[in-house]
């Protein structure tokens, strides 16, 4: 019997936690693209050693600058995103434009970096061979592709923010309280 009550209270706890997270998401739906931007930053920064080794091994034109632009603007885009939505105020339009400019620069730098990798691996003379010693090149390629996908997803989610924020606000998060239908009017006139 006690196990049944514990399971029921556990389900209520999960439901309440889910309800609270939806209420929090209703208040600030911009957290969704923020999470993808944070994920993009983490994917890039946690694999920076493979990217740096690839840059050193291939040594293509502007690969170091692409790596630098990717890291710098990933951090700055995060800061600009946080400044775009001041607390309890409308979004700052110049910051939105700056954010899209930074996301475009990141995508361009990533595309150039991937082009340099593919050129080095597929050229006929002095080709870079990816083997057990240079497996970091394929890791860097996969990381840059994942980074591009996450940055693109951030841009799309940010552009669609007005659409899905309205849908999120329509979700009913009210709590039904037992006995609310049985309440009677309270007399506050002060007469006994």
N, C-alpha and C. Protein backbone atom coordinates (compact mmCIF):
# COMPACT_ATOMS: atom_id res chain seq x y z
N UNK A 1 0.82 -1.19 0.00
CA UNK A 1 0.00 0.00 0.00
C UNK A 1 0.86 1.26 0.00
N UNK A 2 1.92 1.26 0.80
CA UNK A 2 2.77 2.45 0.86
C UNK A 2 3.54 2.64 -0.45
N UNK A 3 3.90 1.52 -1.12
CA UNK A 3 4.59 1.64 -2.40
C UNK A 3 3.69 2.30 -3.43
N UNK A 4 2.39 1.98 -3.37
CA UNK A 4 1.43 2.57 -4.31
C UNK A 4 1.31 4.08 -4.08
N UNK A 5 1.27 4.49 -2.80
CA UNK A 5 1.19 5.91 -2.48
C UNK A 5 2.47 6.64 -2.89
N UNK A 6 3.60 6.00 -2.68
CA UNK A 6 4.88 6.61 -3.06
C UNK A 6 4.97 6.78 -4.57
N UNK A 7 4.48 5.79 -5.31
CA UNK A 7 4.51 5.89 -6.78
C UNK A 7 3.59 7.01 -7.25
N UNK A 8 2.43 7.14 -6.61
CA UNK A 8 1.50 8.21 -6.99
C UNK A 8 2.09 9.59 -6.68
N UNK A 9 2.71 9.72 -5.51
CA UNK A 9 3.31 11.01 -5.16
C UNK A 9 4.51 11.30 -6.04
N UNK A 10 5.24 10.28 -6.48
CA UNK A 10 6.36 10.47 -7.40
C UNK A 10 5.88 10.97 -8.75
N UNK A 11 4.75 10.42 -9.23
CA UNK A 11 4.18 10.88 -10.49
C UNK A 11 3.70 12.31 -10.37
N UNK A 12 3.11 12.66 -9.21
CA UNK A 12 2.67 14.04 -8.99
C UNK A 12 3.87 14.99 -8.97
N UNK A 13 4.96 14.53 -8.38
CA UNK A 13 6.16 15.35 -8.34
C UNK A 13 6.73 15.60 -9.73
N UNK A 14 6.72 14.57 -10.56
CA UNK A 14 7.20 14.72 -11.94
C UNK A 14 6.28 15.64 -12.72
N UNK A 15 4.96 15.45 -12.54
CA UNK A 15 4.00 16.32 -13.22
C UNK A 15 4.16 17.77 -12.79
N UNK A 16 4.37 17.99 -11.50
CA UNK A 16 4.54 19.35 -10.99
C UNK A 16 5.83 19.97 -11.52
N UNK A 17 6.89 19.18 -11.59
CA UNK A 17 8.15 19.68 -12.12
C UNK A 17 7.99 20.03 -13.61
N UNK A 18 7.29 19.19 -14.35
CA UNK A 18 7.03 19.47 -15.77
C UNK A 18 6.18 20.73 -15.92
N UNK A 19 5.17 20.88 -15.07
CA UNK A 19 4.31 22.06 -15.12
C UNK A 19 5.11 23.33 -14.84
N UNK A 20 5.99 23.27 -13.84
CA UNK A 20 6.80 24.44 -13.50
C UNK A 20 7.78 24.80 -14.62
N UNK A 21 8.33 23.78 -15.27
CA UNK A 21 9.24 24.08 -16.38
C UNK A 21 8.49 24.67 -17.57
N UNK A 22 7.25 24.25 -17.80
CA UNK A 22 6.45 24.84 -18.88
C UNK A 22 6.07 26.28 -18.53
N UNK A 23 5.74 26.53 -17.28
CA UNK A 23 5.44 27.90 -16.85
C UNK A 23 6.66 28.79 -17.04
N UNK A 24 7.83 28.29 -16.69
CA UNK A 24 9.06 29.05 -16.88
C UNK A 24 9.33 29.29 -18.36
N UNK A 25 9.03 28.30 -19.18
CA UNK A 25 9.22 28.44 -20.63
C UNK A 25 8.21 29.42 -21.23
N UNK A 26 7.00 29.49 -20.64
CA UNK A 26 6.01 30.46 -21.10
C UNK A 26 6.50 31.88 -20.86
N UNK A 27 7.17 32.09 -19.75
CA UNK A 27 7.66 33.43 -19.41
C UNK A 27 8.84 33.85 -20.27
N UNK A 28 9.68 32.90 -20.63
CA UNK A 28 10.85 33.24 -21.45
C UNK A 28 11.11 32.13 -22.48
N UNK A 29 10.35 32.14 -23.58
CA UNK A 29 10.54 31.11 -24.60
C UNK A 29 11.85 31.23 -25.37
N UNK A 30 12.56 32.34 -25.20
CA UNK A 30 13.85 32.49 -25.87
C UNK A 30 14.90 31.55 -25.32
N UNK A 31 14.58 30.81 -24.28
CA UNK A 31 15.53 29.85 -23.74
C UNK A 31 15.78 28.70 -24.70
N UNK A 32 14.83 28.42 -25.58
CA UNK A 32 15.00 27.31 -26.53
C UNK A 32 16.15 27.59 -27.49
N UNK A 33 16.15 28.73 -28.22
CA UNK A 33 17.33 28.97 -29.07
C UNK A 33 18.60 29.22 -28.27
N UNK A 34 18.46 29.71 -27.04
CA UNK A 34 19.64 29.91 -26.21
C UNK A 34 20.30 28.56 -25.89
N UNK A 35 19.50 27.54 -25.64
CA UNK A 35 20.05 26.22 -25.36
C UNK A 35 20.79 25.64 -26.57
N UNK A 36 20.27 25.87 -27.77
CA UNK A 36 20.99 25.37 -28.95
C UNK A 36 22.28 26.15 -29.17
N UNK A 37 22.27 27.43 -28.85
CA UNK A 37 23.50 28.22 -28.96
C UNK A 37 24.53 27.76 -27.94
N UNK A 38 24.11 27.46 -26.74
CA UNK A 38 25.02 26.93 -25.72
C UNK A 38 25.56 25.57 -26.15
N UNK A 39 24.68 24.73 -26.72
CA UNK A 39 25.13 23.42 -27.20
C UNK A 39 26.17 23.57 -28.31
N UNK A 40 25.96 24.53 -29.21
CA UNK A 40 26.93 24.77 -30.29
C UNK A 40 28.28 25.21 -29.71
N UNK A 41 28.23 26.10 -28.74
CA UNK A 41 29.47 26.56 -28.11
C UNK A 41 30.20 25.41 -27.42
N UNK A 42 29.45 24.57 -26.72
CA UNK A 42 30.08 23.44 -26.02
C UNK A 42 30.67 22.43 -26.99
N UNK A 43 29.96 22.13 -28.07
CA UNK A 43 30.48 21.19 -29.07
C UNK A 43 31.79 21.72 -29.64
N UNK A 44 31.83 23.00 -29.95
CA UNK A 44 33.04 23.58 -30.55
C UNK A 44 34.17 23.65 -29.53
N UNK A 45 33.89 24.19 -28.35
CA UNK A 45 34.97 24.43 -27.39
C UNK A 45 35.51 23.16 -26.76
N UNK A 46 34.67 22.15 -26.57
CA UNK A 46 35.16 20.91 -25.96
C UNK A 46 35.99 20.07 -26.93
N UNK A 47 35.90 20.37 -28.20
CA UNK A 47 36.69 19.65 -29.21
C UNK A 47 37.72 20.55 -29.87
N UNK A 48 38.10 21.58 -29.19
CA UNK A 48 39.03 22.56 -29.75
C UNK A 48 40.41 21.96 -29.99
N UNK A 49 40.81 20.98 -29.21
CA UNK A 49 42.13 20.38 -29.43
C UNK A 49 42.19 19.64 -30.76
N UNK A 50 41.12 18.93 -31.13
CA UNK A 50 41.11 18.25 -32.44
C UNK A 50 41.12 19.26 -33.58
N UNK A 51 40.42 20.37 -33.40
CA UNK A 51 40.40 21.42 -34.42
C UNK A 51 41.78 22.07 -34.54
N UNK A 52 42.42 22.34 -33.42
CA UNK A 52 43.76 22.96 -33.44
C UNK A 52 44.78 22.01 -34.06
N UNK A 53 44.69 20.71 -33.75
CA UNK A 53 45.61 19.74 -34.36
C UNK A 53 45.40 19.65 -35.86
N UNK A 54 44.15 19.72 -36.29
CA UNK A 54 43.84 19.69 -37.72
C UNK A 54 44.40 20.93 -38.40
N UNK A 55 44.25 22.07 -37.78
CA UNK A 55 44.79 23.31 -38.33
C UNK A 55 46.31 23.21 -38.46
N UNK A 56 46.97 22.66 -37.45
CA UNK A 56 48.42 22.54 -37.49
C UNK A 56 48.88 21.52 -38.54
N UNK A 57 48.13 20.45 -38.70
CA UNK A 57 48.52 19.39 -39.65
C UNK A 57 48.28 19.83 -41.10
N UNK A 58 47.13 20.38 -41.39
CA UNK A 58 46.80 20.76 -42.77
C UNK A 58 47.46 22.08 -43.12
N UNK A 59 47.44 23.03 -42.21
CA UNK A 59 48.05 24.35 -42.39
C UNK A 59 47.57 25.03 -43.66
N UNK A 60 46.23 24.98 -43.87
CA UNK A 60 45.64 25.62 -45.04
C UNK A 60 45.49 27.11 -44.83
N UNK A 61 45.22 27.81 -45.92
CA UNK A 61 45.08 29.27 -45.84
C UNK A 61 43.88 29.64 -44.99
N UNK A 62 44.09 30.51 -44.04
CA UNK A 62 43.06 31.08 -43.16
C UNK A 62 42.38 30.07 -42.24
N UNK A 63 42.94 28.90 -42.04
CA UNK A 63 42.32 27.92 -41.13
C UNK A 63 42.40 28.41 -39.69
N UNK A 64 43.51 29.00 -39.32
CA UNK A 64 43.65 29.53 -37.95
C UNK A 64 42.69 30.66 -37.69
N UNK A 65 42.50 31.52 -38.68
CA UNK A 65 41.55 32.62 -38.53
C UNK A 65 40.12 32.10 -38.43
N UNK A 66 39.82 31.06 -39.20
CA UNK A 66 38.47 30.46 -39.12
C UNK A 66 38.22 29.88 -37.73
N UNK A 67 39.22 29.22 -37.19
CA UNK A 67 39.12 28.65 -35.85
C UNK A 67 38.93 29.77 -34.82
N UNK A 68 39.69 30.82 -34.97
CA UNK A 68 39.59 31.97 -34.06
C UNK A 68 38.21 32.63 -34.16
N UNK A 69 37.74 32.86 -35.38
CA UNK A 69 36.42 33.48 -35.58
C UNK A 69 35.32 32.60 -35.00
N UNK A 70 35.42 31.29 -35.22
CA UNK A 70 34.42 30.37 -34.67
C UNK A 70 34.34 30.44 -33.15
N UNK A 71 35.50 30.44 -32.51
CA UNK A 71 35.52 30.47 -31.04
C UNK A 71 35.09 31.83 -30.50
N UNK A 72 35.66 32.90 -31.06
CA UNK A 72 35.36 34.24 -30.57
C UNK A 72 33.88 34.59 -30.73
N UNK A 73 33.36 34.37 -31.93
CA UNK A 73 31.97 34.76 -32.15
C UNK A 73 30.97 33.80 -31.52
N UNK A 74 31.39 32.58 -31.20
CA UNK A 74 30.51 31.70 -30.42
C UNK A 74 30.31 32.27 -29.02
N UNK A 75 31.39 32.78 -28.44
CA UNK A 75 31.28 33.40 -27.11
C UNK A 75 30.50 34.71 -27.20
N UNK A 76 30.87 35.56 -28.17
CA UNK A 76 30.21 36.86 -28.29
C UNK A 76 28.73 36.73 -28.66
N UNK A 77 28.39 35.74 -29.47
CA UNK A 77 26.98 35.53 -29.83
C UNK A 77 26.17 35.16 -28.58
N UNK A 78 26.78 34.40 -27.71
CA UNK A 78 26.12 34.04 -26.45
C UNK A 78 25.87 35.30 -25.62
N UNK A 79 26.84 36.17 -25.51
CA UNK A 79 26.70 37.41 -24.74
C UNK A 79 25.66 38.33 -25.39
N UNK A 80 25.71 38.46 -26.71
CA UNK A 80 24.75 39.31 -27.42
C UNK A 80 23.34 38.76 -27.27
N UNK A 81 23.21 37.43 -27.31
CA UNK A 81 21.89 36.83 -27.14
C UNK A 81 21.31 37.18 -25.77
N UNK A 82 22.13 37.12 -24.75
CA UNK A 82 21.65 37.45 -23.41
C UNK A 82 21.26 38.93 -23.30
N UNK A 83 21.96 39.79 -24.04
CA UNK A 83 21.64 41.23 -24.04
C UNK A 83 20.45 41.57 -24.92
N UNK A 84 20.05 40.66 -25.79
CA UNK A 84 18.93 40.90 -26.70
C UNK A 84 17.61 40.94 -25.95
N UNK A 85 17.50 40.18 -24.88
CA UNK A 85 16.26 40.08 -24.12
C UNK A 85 16.45 40.58 -22.70
N UNK A 86 16.37 41.91 -22.50
CA UNK A 86 16.46 42.41 -21.12
C UNK A 86 15.24 41.98 -20.33
N UNK A 87 15.39 41.87 -19.04
CA UNK A 87 14.32 41.38 -18.18
C UNK A 87 13.11 42.31 -18.23
N UNK A 88 11.97 41.73 -18.54
CA UNK A 88 10.67 42.40 -18.57
C UNK A 88 10.60 43.59 -19.54
N UNK A 89 11.39 43.53 -20.60
CA UNK A 89 11.37 44.57 -21.62
C UNK A 89 11.34 43.88 -22.98
N UNK A 90 10.91 44.60 -24.02
CA UNK A 90 10.91 43.98 -25.35
C UNK A 90 12.34 43.75 -25.86
N UNK A 91 12.45 42.89 -26.85
CA UNK A 91 13.76 42.57 -27.42
C UNK A 91 14.39 43.81 -28.05
N UNK A 92 15.70 43.90 -27.96
CA UNK A 92 16.45 45.02 -28.51
C UNK A 92 16.78 44.70 -29.97
N UNK A 93 16.20 45.47 -30.90
CA UNK A 93 16.33 45.17 -32.32
C UNK A 93 17.76 45.27 -32.86
N UNK A 94 18.57 46.25 -32.48
CA UNK A 94 19.96 46.26 -32.97
C UNK A 94 20.75 45.02 -32.53
N UNK A 95 20.44 44.52 -31.37
CA UNK A 95 21.12 43.31 -30.88
C UNK A 95 20.71 42.09 -31.72
N UNK A 96 19.46 42.07 -32.17
CA UNK A 96 19.01 40.97 -33.03
C UNK A 96 19.81 40.97 -34.33
N UNK A 97 19.98 42.15 -34.91
CA UNK A 97 20.76 42.25 -36.14
C UNK A 97 22.22 41.85 -35.91
N UNK A 98 22.78 42.29 -34.79
CA UNK A 98 24.15 41.93 -34.46
C UNK A 98 24.29 40.42 -34.26
N UNK A 99 23.30 39.82 -33.63
CA UNK A 99 23.33 38.37 -33.41
C UNK A 99 23.32 37.62 -34.74
N UNK A 100 22.43 38.03 -35.65
CA UNK A 100 22.40 37.36 -36.96
C UNK A 100 23.69 37.59 -37.75
N UNK A 101 24.30 38.75 -37.61
CA UNK A 101 25.58 39.00 -38.25
C UNK A 101 26.64 38.04 -37.72
N UNK A 102 26.67 37.86 -36.42
CA UNK A 102 27.65 36.95 -35.82
C UNK A 102 27.40 35.51 -36.22
N UNK A 103 26.15 35.10 -36.24
CA UNK A 103 25.83 33.72 -36.65
C UNK A 103 26.23 33.48 -38.10
N UNK A 104 26.06 34.49 -38.95
CA UNK A 104 26.46 34.37 -40.35
C UNK A 104 27.98 34.26 -40.47
N UNK A 105 28.71 35.04 -39.69
CA UNK A 105 30.18 34.95 -39.70
C UNK A 105 30.65 33.58 -39.24
N UNK A 106 30.01 33.04 -38.22
CA UNK A 106 30.38 31.70 -37.73
C UNK A 106 30.15 30.66 -38.82
N UNK A 107 28.99 30.73 -39.47
CA UNK A 107 28.68 29.77 -40.54
C UNK A 107 29.68 29.88 -41.68
N UNK A 108 30.04 31.11 -42.06
CA UNK A 108 31.00 31.30 -43.15
C UNK A 108 32.38 30.76 -42.78
N UNK A 109 32.81 31.01 -41.56
CA UNK A 109 34.12 30.51 -41.10
C UNK A 109 34.13 28.99 -41.06
N UNK A 110 33.05 28.39 -40.58
CA UNK A 110 32.96 26.93 -40.55
C UNK A 110 32.96 26.34 -41.95
N UNK A 111 32.24 26.96 -42.87
CA UNK A 111 32.20 26.47 -44.25
C UNK A 111 33.58 26.55 -44.89
N UNK A 112 34.30 27.64 -44.65
CA UNK A 112 35.66 27.77 -45.19
C UNK A 112 36.59 26.73 -44.58
N UNK A 113 36.45 26.47 -43.30
CA UNK A 113 37.28 25.48 -42.62
C UNK A 113 37.05 24.08 -43.20
N UNK A 114 35.78 23.75 -43.41
CA UNK A 114 35.46 22.44 -43.99
C UNK A 114 36.01 22.33 -45.41
N UNK A 115 35.92 23.41 -46.16
CA UNK A 115 36.47 23.42 -47.52
C UNK A 115 37.97 23.14 -47.49
N UNK A 116 38.68 23.73 -46.54
CA UNK A 116 40.12 23.51 -46.43
C UNK A 116 40.43 22.06 -46.07
N UNK A 117 39.64 21.46 -45.21
CA UNK A 117 39.85 20.06 -44.86
C UNK A 117 39.62 19.16 -46.07
N UNK A 118 38.51 19.38 -46.77
CA UNK A 118 38.20 18.56 -47.94
C UNK A 118 39.22 18.72 -49.04
N UNK A 119 39.73 19.93 -49.22
CA UNK A 119 40.76 20.17 -50.22
C UNK A 119 42.03 19.41 -49.88
N UNK A 120 42.43 19.44 -48.61
CA UNK A 120 43.66 18.76 -48.20
C UNK A 120 43.54 17.24 -48.28
N UNK A 121 42.38 16.72 -48.01
CA UNK A 121 42.19 15.27 -48.01
C UNK A 121 42.00 14.73 -49.43
N UNK A 122 41.45 15.53 -50.33
CA UNK A 122 41.12 15.05 -51.67
C UNK A 122 42.06 15.51 -52.78
N UNK A 123 43.09 16.28 -52.49
CA UNK A 123 43.98 16.74 -53.55
C UNK A 123 44.86 15.59 -54.06
N UNK A 124 45.35 15.73 -55.28
CA UNK A 124 46.14 14.65 -55.88
C UNK A 124 47.59 14.66 -55.42
N UNK A 125 48.17 15.83 -55.25
CA UNK A 125 49.56 15.93 -54.79
C UNK A 125 49.62 16.20 -53.29
N UNK A 126 50.50 15.48 -52.62
CA UNK A 126 50.76 15.72 -51.21
C UNK A 126 49.47 15.66 -50.38
N UNK A 127 48.67 14.63 -50.63
CA UNK A 127 47.38 14.49 -49.95
C UNK A 127 47.58 14.14 -48.47
N UNK A 128 46.72 14.67 -47.63
CA UNK A 128 46.70 14.34 -46.20
C UNK A 128 45.87 13.07 -46.06
N UNK A 129 46.47 12.04 -45.49
CA UNK A 129 45.78 10.76 -45.31
C UNK A 129 45.24 10.72 -43.88
N UNK A 130 43.97 10.36 -43.76
CA UNK A 130 43.36 10.23 -42.43
C UNK A 130 43.50 8.77 -42.02
N UNK A 131 44.33 8.53 -41.02
CA UNK A 131 44.53 7.18 -40.50
C UNK A 131 44.48 7.24 -38.97
N UNK A 132 45.01 6.22 -38.33
CA UNK A 132 44.95 6.18 -36.86
C UNK A 132 45.78 7.30 -36.23
N UNK A 133 46.80 7.78 -36.93
CA UNK A 133 47.62 8.87 -36.41
C UNK A 133 46.97 10.25 -36.58
N UNK A 134 46.12 10.38 -37.60
CA UNK A 134 45.47 11.67 -37.89
C UNK A 134 43.96 11.57 -37.81
N UNK A 135 43.48 10.75 -36.91
CA UNK A 135 42.03 10.59 -36.74
C UNK A 135 41.37 11.89 -36.27
N UNK A 136 42.16 12.78 -35.69
CA UNK A 136 41.63 14.06 -35.23
C UNK A 136 41.09 14.91 -36.38
N UNK A 137 41.54 14.64 -37.61
CA UNK A 137 41.03 15.39 -38.76
C UNK A 137 39.56 15.06 -39.00
N UNK A 138 39.23 13.77 -38.93
CA UNK A 138 37.81 13.41 -39.10
C UNK A 138 36.98 13.87 -37.91
N UNK A 139 37.58 13.87 -36.72
CA UNK A 139 36.86 14.40 -35.56
C UNK A 139 36.59 15.88 -35.73
N UNK A 140 37.58 16.63 -36.19
CA UNK A 140 37.39 18.07 -36.41
C UNK A 140 36.33 18.32 -37.48
N UNK A 141 36.35 17.53 -38.55
CA UNK A 141 35.35 17.67 -39.60
C UNK A 141 33.94 17.45 -39.04
N UNK A 142 33.78 16.38 -38.27
CA UNK A 142 32.46 16.08 -37.68
C UNK A 142 32.02 17.16 -36.69
N UNK A 143 32.96 17.68 -35.92
CA UNK A 143 32.64 18.73 -34.95
C UNK A 143 32.20 20.00 -35.67
N UNK A 144 32.91 20.37 -36.73
CA UNK A 144 32.55 21.58 -37.47
C UNK A 144 31.18 21.43 -38.13
N UNK A 145 30.90 20.25 -38.66
CA UNK A 145 29.57 20.01 -39.26
C UNK A 145 28.48 20.12 -38.18
N UNK A 146 28.71 19.51 -37.02
CA UNK A 146 27.73 19.60 -35.92
C UNK A 146 27.58 21.05 -35.47
N UNK A 147 28.67 21.79 -35.43
CA UNK A 147 28.63 23.19 -35.03
C UNK A 147 27.80 24.00 -36.02
N UNK A 148 28.00 23.74 -37.31
CA UNK A 148 27.22 24.45 -38.33
C UNK A 148 25.72 24.13 -38.20
N UNK A 149 25.41 22.87 -37.95
CA UNK A 149 24.01 22.48 -37.80
C UNK A 149 23.37 23.16 -36.59
N UNK A 150 24.09 23.18 -35.47
CA UNK A 150 23.55 23.81 -34.26
C UNK A 150 23.42 25.33 -34.41
N UNK A 151 24.36 25.96 -35.08
CA UNK A 151 24.26 27.41 -35.31
C UNK A 151 23.09 27.70 -36.24
N UNK A 152 22.91 26.89 -37.27
CA UNK A 152 21.77 27.04 -38.17
C UNK A 152 20.45 26.83 -37.44
N UNK A 153 20.42 25.83 -36.56
CA UNK A 153 19.21 25.58 -35.77
C UNK A 153 18.92 26.75 -34.84
N UNK A 154 19.97 27.35 -34.28
CA UNK A 154 19.77 28.53 -33.44
C UNK A 154 19.15 29.67 -34.22
N UNK A 155 19.66 29.90 -35.42
CA UNK A 155 19.13 30.99 -36.26
C UNK A 155 17.66 30.73 -36.62
N UNK A 156 17.33 29.50 -36.97
CA UNK A 156 15.95 29.16 -37.33
C UNK A 156 15.03 29.27 -36.12
N UNK A 157 15.46 28.72 -34.98
CA UNK A 157 14.63 28.80 -33.77
C UNK A 157 14.44 30.24 -33.32
N UNK A 158 15.47 31.05 -33.49
CA UNK A 158 15.35 32.46 -33.12
C UNK A 158 14.38 33.18 -34.05
N UNK A 159 14.42 32.85 -35.34
CA UNK A 159 13.50 33.48 -36.30
C UNK A 159 12.07 33.05 -36.06
N UNK A 160 11.87 31.80 -35.63
CA UNK A 160 10.52 31.28 -35.38
C UNK A 160 10.03 31.53 -33.96
N UNK A 161 10.77 32.27 -33.17
CA UNK A 161 10.41 32.53 -31.78
C UNK A 161 9.01 33.11 -31.62
N UNK A 162 8.57 34.08 -32.42
CA UNK A 162 7.21 34.59 -32.25
C UNK A 162 6.13 33.54 -32.52
N UNK A 163 6.42 32.59 -33.39
CA UNK A 163 5.43 31.58 -33.75
C UNK A 163 5.24 30.57 -32.61
N UNK A 164 6.35 29.95 -32.18
CA UNK A 164 6.17 28.91 -31.17
C UNK A 164 6.00 29.47 -29.76
N UNK A 165 6.33 30.74 -29.53
CA UNK A 165 6.05 31.30 -28.21
C UNK A 165 4.55 31.45 -28.00
N UNK A 166 3.81 31.78 -29.08
CA UNK A 166 2.35 31.84 -28.96
C UNK A 166 1.77 30.47 -28.68
N UNK A 167 2.32 29.43 -29.33
CA UNK A 167 1.84 28.07 -29.09
C UNK A 167 2.14 27.62 -27.67
N UNK A 168 3.30 27.97 -27.15
CA UNK A 168 3.65 27.60 -25.78
C UNK A 168 2.75 28.30 -24.78
N UNK A 169 2.40 29.55 -25.06
CA UNK A 169 1.55 30.30 -24.12
C UNK A 169 0.13 29.74 -24.05
N UNK A 170 -0.28 29.00 -25.08
CA UNK A 170 -1.62 28.41 -25.08
C UNK A 170 -1.73 27.16 -24.22
N UNK A 171 -0.60 26.61 -23.79
CA UNK A 171 -0.61 25.41 -22.96
C UNK A 171 -1.19 25.76 -21.60
N UNK A 172 -2.16 24.96 -21.17
CA UNK A 172 -2.82 25.20 -19.88
C UNK A 172 -1.95 24.65 -18.76
N UNK A 173 -1.50 25.52 -17.88
CA UNK A 173 -0.66 25.10 -16.75
C UNK A 173 -1.33 25.39 -15.41
N UNK A 174 -2.63 25.63 -15.45
CA UNK A 174 -3.33 25.93 -14.19
C UNK A 174 -3.47 24.66 -13.36
N UNK A 175 -3.59 24.85 -12.08
CA UNK A 175 -3.71 23.74 -11.13
C UNK A 175 -5.16 23.65 -10.68
N UNK A 176 -5.69 22.44 -10.73
CA UNK A 176 -7.04 22.24 -10.22
C UNK A 176 -6.94 21.98 -8.72
N UNK A 177 -7.66 22.77 -7.95
CA UNK A 177 -7.66 22.62 -6.50
C UNK A 177 -8.95 21.95 -6.09
N UNK A 178 -8.86 20.92 -5.24
CA UNK A 178 -10.05 20.21 -4.78
C UNK A 178 -10.94 21.13 -3.96
N UNK A 179 -12.23 21.08 -4.20
CA UNK A 179 -13.19 21.84 -3.43
C UNK A 179 -13.43 23.24 -3.93
N UNK A 180 -12.86 23.62 -5.05
CA UNK A 180 -13.07 24.97 -5.55
C UNK A 180 -14.51 25.17 -6.00
N UNK A 181 -15.17 24.12 -6.47
CA UNK A 181 -16.55 24.25 -6.92
C UNK A 181 -17.52 24.39 -5.76
N UNK A 182 -17.11 23.98 -4.56
CA UNK A 182 -17.99 24.00 -3.39
C UNK A 182 -17.87 25.27 -2.56
N UNK A 183 -17.02 26.17 -2.93
CA UNK A 183 -16.83 27.39 -2.13
C UNK A 183 -18.05 28.28 -2.24
N UNK A 184 -18.34 28.92 -1.15
CA UNK A 184 -19.47 29.83 -1.14
C UNK A 184 -18.96 31.25 -0.96
N UNK A 185 -19.80 32.19 -1.22
CA UNK A 185 -19.41 33.59 -1.12
C UNK A 185 -19.03 33.93 0.32
N UNK A 186 -18.04 34.75 0.46
CA UNK A 186 -17.59 35.19 1.78
C UNK A 186 -18.17 36.55 2.04
N UNK A 187 -18.77 36.67 3.20
CA UNK A 187 -19.40 37.94 3.57
C UNK A 187 -18.35 38.80 4.26
N UNK A 188 -18.04 39.94 3.67
CA UNK A 188 -17.04 40.82 4.24
C UNK A 188 -17.64 42.14 4.70
N UNK A 189 -18.94 42.16 4.84
CA UNK A 189 -19.62 43.41 5.20
C UNK A 189 -19.35 43.81 6.65
N UNK A 190 -18.95 42.87 7.49
CA UNK A 190 -18.66 43.19 8.87
C UNK A 190 -19.87 43.09 9.78
N UNK A 191 -21.02 42.76 9.26
CA UNK A 191 -22.22 42.63 10.08
C UNK A 191 -22.32 41.20 10.57
N UNK A 192 -22.66 41.02 11.82
CA UNK A 192 -22.78 39.70 12.40
C UNK A 192 -24.18 39.20 12.34
